[in-house]
Amino acid sequence: MRLPSSEEEWLGMDSRLQTYVVEDNLTIRENLIGTLEELTCSTVVGFAETESGARAWLLGHGGEWDLLIVDLFLKQGSGLGVLQACQSRKPGQKVVVLSNYATPDIRRRCAEFGVDAVFDKSNEIEALVDFCLMQVRSRAAHSSSEAG
């Protein structure tokens, strides 16, 4: 009997986190997407650079994502507006903020919008990866308990 050789095989392809990214900096976005897809069993289903773009996508794809990653400072609008737009999300959908300005005040404001976690771009990327992996494992455990 062949054992799975990767975490992805152990968890199954359909347990990949369907992730939407709201980030206006091209370099940061490309690096983030590469990191997420390589290290966290995530599939990035799309991205927006503006609040209006993110709101429009969320409105048209309400149930098609598991994780939303939002930067607060965008080319147009604010990440806070994006957070407000997804306050009525499904229970299994997670929202995190990835910002250069993860101050105690920002963390408090994000908590008021029901954000699941806030990560600082400069020194908490590893914590974001850990959060994503925890979500994948939680979904896989939930799926296997439903099947058995």
C-alpha atoms as a PDB file:
ATOM      1  CA  MET A   1       0.000   0.000   0.000  1.00  0.00           C
ATOM      2  CA  ARG A   2       1.370   3.428  -0.991  1.00  0.00           C
ATOM      3  CA  LEU A   3       1.296   6.129   1.676  1.00  0.00           C
ATOM      4  CA  PRO A   4       0.524   9.729   0.715  1.00  0.00           C
ATOM      5  CA  SER A   5       3.754  11.629   0.119  1.00  0.00           C
ATOM      6  CA  SER A   6       2.552  15.137   0.900  1.00  0.00           C
ATOM      7  CA  GLU A   7       0.198  16.910   3.255  1.00  0.00           C
ATOM      8  CA  GLU A   8      -1.980  17.708   0.243  1.00  0.00           C
ATOM      9  CA  GLU A   9      -2.380  13.993  -0.523  1.00  0.00           C
ATOM     10  CA  TRP A  10      -3.184  13.260   3.112  1.00  0.00           C
ATOM     11  CA  LEU A  11      -5.854  15.950   3.180  1.00  0.00           C
ATOM     12  CA  GLY A  12      -7.241  15.511  -0.325  1.00  0.00           C
ATOM     13  CA  MET A  13      -7.456  18.073  -3.096  1.00  0.00           C
ATOM     14  CA  ASP A  14     -10.960  19.193  -2.223  1.00  0.00           C
ATOM     15  CA  SER A  15      -9.789  20.311   1.199  1.00  0.00           C
ATOM     16  CA  ARG A  16      -7.724  23.124  -0.346  1.00  0.00           C
ATOM     17  CA  LEU A  17      -8.698  26.545   0.976  1.00  0.00           C
ATOM     18  CA  GLN A  18     -10.409  28.590  -1.708  1.00  0.00           C
ATOM     19  CA  THR A  19      -8.735  31.929  -0.997  1.00  0.00           C
ATOM     20  CA  TYR A  20      -9.497  35.441  -2.229  1.00  0.00           C
ATOM     21  CA  VAL A  21      -6.839  38.147  -1.813  1.00  0.00           C
ATOM     22  CA  VAL A  22      -7.417  41.897  -1.539  1.00  0.00           C
ATOM     23  CA  GLU A  23      -3.992  43.511  -2.020  1.00  0.00           C
ATOM     24  CA  ASP A  24      -3.023  46.391  -4.300  1.00  0.00           C
ATOM     25  CA  ASN A  25       0.756  45.940  -4.284  1.00  0.00           C
ATOM     26  CA  LEU A  26       1.637  43.638  -7.195  1.00  0.00           C
ATOM     27  CA  THR A  27       4.904  42.356  -5.712  1.00  0.00           C
ATOM     28  CA  ILE A  28       3.370  41.607  -2.320  1.00  0.00           C
ATOM     29  CA  ARG A  29       0.318  39.989  -3.943  1.00  0.00           C
ATOM     30  CA  GLU A  30       2.387  37.738  -6.220  1.00  0.00           C
ATOM     31  CA  ASN A  31       4.669  36.676  -3.360  1.00  0.00           C
ATOM     32  CA  LEU A  32       1.698  36.068  -1.074  1.00  0.00           C
ATOM     33  CA  ILE A  33      -0.152  33.975  -3.662  1.00  0.00           C
ATOM     34  CA  GLY A  34       2.978  31.911  -4.343  1.00  0.00           C
ATOM     35  CA  THR A  35       3.533  31.327  -0.635  1.00  0.00           C
ATOM     36  CA  LEU A  36      -0.091  30.386   0.027  1.00  0.00           C
ATOM     37  CA  GLU A  37      -0.329  27.966  -2.879  1.00  0.00           C
ATOM     38  CA  GLU A  38       3.028  26.344  -2.148  1.00  0.00           C
ATOM     39  CA  LEU A  39       2.885  26.064   1.642  1.00  0.00           C
ATOM     40  CA  THR A  40      -0.733  26.051   2.792  1.00  0.00           C
ATOM     41  CA  CYS A  41      -2.897  23.858   0.535  1.00  0.00           C
ATOM     42  CA  SER A  42      -4.644  26.988  -0.724  1.00  0.00           C
ATOM     43  CA  THR A  43      -5.961  27.821  -4.150  1.00  0.00           C
ATOM     44  CA  VAL A  44      -6.231  31.539  -4.836  1.00  0.00           C
ATOM     45  CA  VAL A  45      -9.522  31.963  -6.687  1.00  0.00           C
ATOM     46  CA  GLY A  46      -9.051  35.653  -7.404  1.00  0.00           C
ATOM     47  CA  PHE A  47      -7.872  39.019  -6.206  1.00  0.00           C
ATOM     48  CA  ALA A  48      -8.842  42.670  -6.102  1.00  0.00           C
ATOM     49  CA  GLU A  49      -6.771  45.829  -5.810  1.00  0.00           C
ATOM     50  CA  THR A  50      -9.647  48.083  -4.727  1.00  0.00           C
ATOM     51  CA  GLU A  51     -12.492  48.097  -2.243  1.00  0.00           C
ATOM     52  CA  SER A  52     -15.111  48.298  -5.012  1.00  0.00           C
ATOM     53  CA  GLY A  53     -13.525  45.402  -6.911  1.00  0.00           C
ATOM     54  CA  ALA A  54     -13.467  43.246  -3.789  1.00  0.00           C
ATOM     55  CA  ARG A  55     -17.044  44.131  -2.826  1.00  0.00           C
ATOM     56  CA  ALA A  56     -18.284  43.310  -6.333  1.00  0.00           C
ATOM     57  CA  TRP A  57     -16.516  39.942  -6.343  1.00  0.00           C
ATOM     58  CA  LEU A  58     -17.792  39.040  -2.859  1.00  0.00           C
ATOM     59  CA  LEU A  59     -21.338  39.978  -3.834  1.00  0.00           C
ATOM     60  CA  GLY A  60     -21.233  37.710  -6.874  1.00  0.00           C
ATOM     61  CA  HIS A  61     -19.322  34.834  -5.251  1.00  0.00           C
ATOM     62  CA  GLY A  62     -20.640  34.727  -1.683  1.00  0.00           C
ATOM     63  CA  GLY A  63     -20.216  31.009  -1.092  1.00  0.00           C
ATOM     64  CA  GLU A  64     -17.218  30.386  -3.317  1.00  0.00           C
ATOM     65  CA  TRP A  65     -14.436  31.170  -0.867  1.00  0.00           C
ATOM     66  CA  ASP A  66     -13.114  29.785   2.406  1.00  0.00           C
ATOM     67  CA  LEU A  67     -10.543  32.436   3.275  1.00  0.00           C
ATOM     68  CA  LEU A  68     -10.434  36.152   2.550  1.00  0.00           C
ATOM     69  CA  ILE A  69      -7.132  37.974   3.063  1.00  0.00           C
ATOM     70  CA  VAL A  70      -7.465  41.763   3.150  1.00  0.00           C
ATOM     71  CA  ASP A  71      -4.950  44.605   3.183  1.00  0.00           C
ATOM     72  CA  LEU A  72      -6.384  47.722   4.818  1.00  0.00           C
ATOM     73  CA  PHE A  73      -4.808  50.376   2.583  1.00  0.00           C
ATOM     74  CA  LEU A  74      -5.844  50.006  -1.067  1.00  0.00           C
ATOM     75  CA  LYS A  75      -5.538  51.979  -4.317  1.00  0.00           C
ATOM     76  CA  GLN A  76      -9.182  52.929  -3.986  1.00  0.00           C
ATOM     77  CA  GLY A  77     -11.296  52.676  -0.874  1.00  0.00           C
ATOM     78  CA  SER A  78     -10.323  50.806   2.254  1.00  0.00           C
ATOM     79  CA  GLY A  79      -9.957  47.274   3.453  1.00  0.00           C
ATOM     80  CA  LEU A  80     -12.303  48.223   6.291  1.00  0.00           C
ATOM     81  CA  GLY A  81     -15.060  48.608   3.697  1.00  0.00           C
ATOM     82  CA  VAL A  82     -14.272  45.106   2.429  1.00  0.00           C
ATOM     83  CA  LEU A  83     -14.487  43.767   5.987  1.00  0.00           C
ATOM     84  CA  GLN A  84     -17.836  45.447   6.423  1.00  0.00           C
ATOM     85  CA  ALA A  85     -19.096  43.854   3.183  1.00  0.00           C
ATOM     86  CA  CYS A  86     -18.438  40.332   4.436  1.00  0.00           C
ATOM     87  CA  GLN A  87     -19.766  40.550   7.980  1.00  0.00           C
ATOM     88  CA  SER A  88     -22.683  38.267   7.070  1.00  0.00           C
ATOM     89  CA  ARG A  89     -20.431  35.507   5.707  1.00  0.00           C
ATOM     90  CA  LYS A  90     -21.037  31.809   6.307  1.00  0.00           C
ATOM     91  CA  PRO A  91     -19.723  30.365   9.601  1.00  0.00           C
ATOM     92  CA  GLY A  92     -16.912  28.379   7.944  1.00  0.00           C
ATOM     93  CA  GLN A  93     -15.586  31.336   5.978  1.00  0.00           C
ATOM     94  CA  LYS A  94     -12.567  33.000   7.575  1.00  0.00           C
ATOM     95  CA  VAL A  95     -11.397  36.592   7.162  1.00  0.00           C
ATOM     96  CA  VAL A  96      -7.919  37.796   8.023  1.00  0.00           C
ATOM     97  CA  VAL A  97      -6.185  41.133   7.675  1.00  0.00           C
ATOM     98  CA  LEU A  98      -2.595  41.342   6.438  1.00  0.00           C
ATOM     99  CA  SER A  99      -1.286  44.865   6.958  1.00  0.00           C
ATOM    100  CA  ASN A 100       1.816  46.937   7.556  1.00  0.00           C
ATOM    101  CA  TYR A 101      -0.194  48.730  10.235  1.00  0.00           C
ATOM    102  CA  ALA A 102      -1.202  45.940  12.614  1.00  0.00           C
ATOM    103  CA  THR A 103      -1.285  48.258  15.626  1.00  0.00           C
ATOM    104  CA  PRO A 104      -3.360  47.512  18.735  1.00  0.00           C
ATOM    105  CA  ASP A 105      -5.952  50.049  17.540  1.00  0.00           C
ATOM    106  CA  ILE A 106      -6.184  48.448  14.078  1.00  0.00           C
ATOM    107  CA  ARG A 107      -6.469  44.991  15.653  1.00  0.00           C
ATOM    108  CA  ARG A 108      -9.313  46.279  17.840  1.00  0.00           C
ATOM    109  CA  ARG A 109     -11.129  47.837  14.862  1.00  0.00           C
ATOM    110  CA  CYS A 110     -10.757  44.621  12.886  1.00  0.00           C
ATOM    111  CA  ALA A 111     -12.155  42.596  15.790  1.00  0.00           C
ATOM    112  CA  GLU A 112     -15.232  44.857  15.733  1.00  0.00           C
ATOM    113  CA  PHE A 113     -15.775  43.724  12.120  1.00  0.00           C
ATOM    114  CA  GLY A 114     -15.517  40.060  13.138  1.00  0.00           C
ATOM    115  CA  VAL A 115     -12.095  39.426  11.630  1.00  0.00           C
ATOM    116  CA  ASP A 116     -10.660  36.045  12.609  1.00  0.00           C
ATOM    117  CA  ALA A 117      -7.027  37.215  12.774  1.00  0.00           C
ATOM    118  CA  VAL A 118      -4.724  40.138  11.988  1.00  0.00           C
ATOM    119  CA  PHE A 119      -1.176  39.635  10.740  1.00  0.00           C
ATOM    120  CA  ASP A 120       1.634  42.146  10.248  1.00  0.00           C
ATOM    121  CA  LYS A 121       3.190  41.924   6.770  1.00  0.00           C
ATOM    122  CA  SER A 122       6.646  42.675   8.114  1.00  0.00           C
ATOM    123  CA  ASN A 123       6.977  39.904  10.682  1.00  0.00           C
ATOM    124  CA  GLU A 124       3.911  37.621  10.854  1.00  0.00           C
ATOM    125  CA  ILE A 125       3.809  35.855   7.472  1.00  0.00           C
ATOM    126  CA  GLU A 126       4.782  32.584   9.156  1.00  0.00           C
ATOM    127  CA  ALA A 127       1.862  33.028  11.557  1.00  0.00           C
ATOM    128  CA  LEU A 128      -0.454  33.549   8.558  1.00  0.00           C
ATOM    129  CA  VAL A 129       0.849  30.316   7.009  1.00  0.00           C
ATOM    130  CA  ASP A 130       0.237  28.516  10.321  1.00  0.00           C
ATOM    131  CA  PHE A 131      -3.309  29.950  10.466  1.00  0.00           C
ATOM    132  CA  CYS A 132      -4.025  28.697   6.940  1.00  0.00           C
ATOM    133  CA  LEU A 133      -2.661  25.228   7.693  1.00  0.00           C
ATOM    134  CA  MET A 134      -4.794  25.089  10.836  1.00  0.00           C
ATOM    135  CA  GLN A 135      -7.881  25.924   8.740  1.00  0.00           C
ATOM    136  CA  VAL A 136      -7.057  23.193   6.216  1.00  0.00           C
ATOM    137  CA  ARG A 137      -6.584  20.619   8.979  1.00  0.00           C
ATOM    138  CA  SER A 138      -9.782  21.715  10.696  1.00  0.00           C
ATOM    139  CA  ARG A 139     -11.766  21.404   7.453  1.00  0.00           C
ATOM    140  CA  ALA A 140     -10.252  17.969   6.757  1.00  0.00           C
ATOM    141  CA  ALA A 141     -11.082  16.757  10.276  1.00  0.00           C
ATOM    142  CA  HIS A 142     -14.634  18.106   9.959  1.00  0.00           C
ATOM    143  CA  SER A 143     -15.068  16.413   6.567  1.00  0.00           C
ATOM    144  CA  SER A 144     -13.781  13.058   7.825  1.00  0.00           C
ATOM    145  CA  SER A 145     -16.019  13.181  10.911  1.00  0.00           C
ATOM    146  CA  GLU A 146     -19.025  13.839   8.657  1.00  0.00           C
ATOM    147  CA  ALA A 147     -18.052  10.927   6.411  1.00  0.00           C
ATOM    148  CA  GLY A 148     -17.542   8.505   9.279  1.00  0.00           C
END
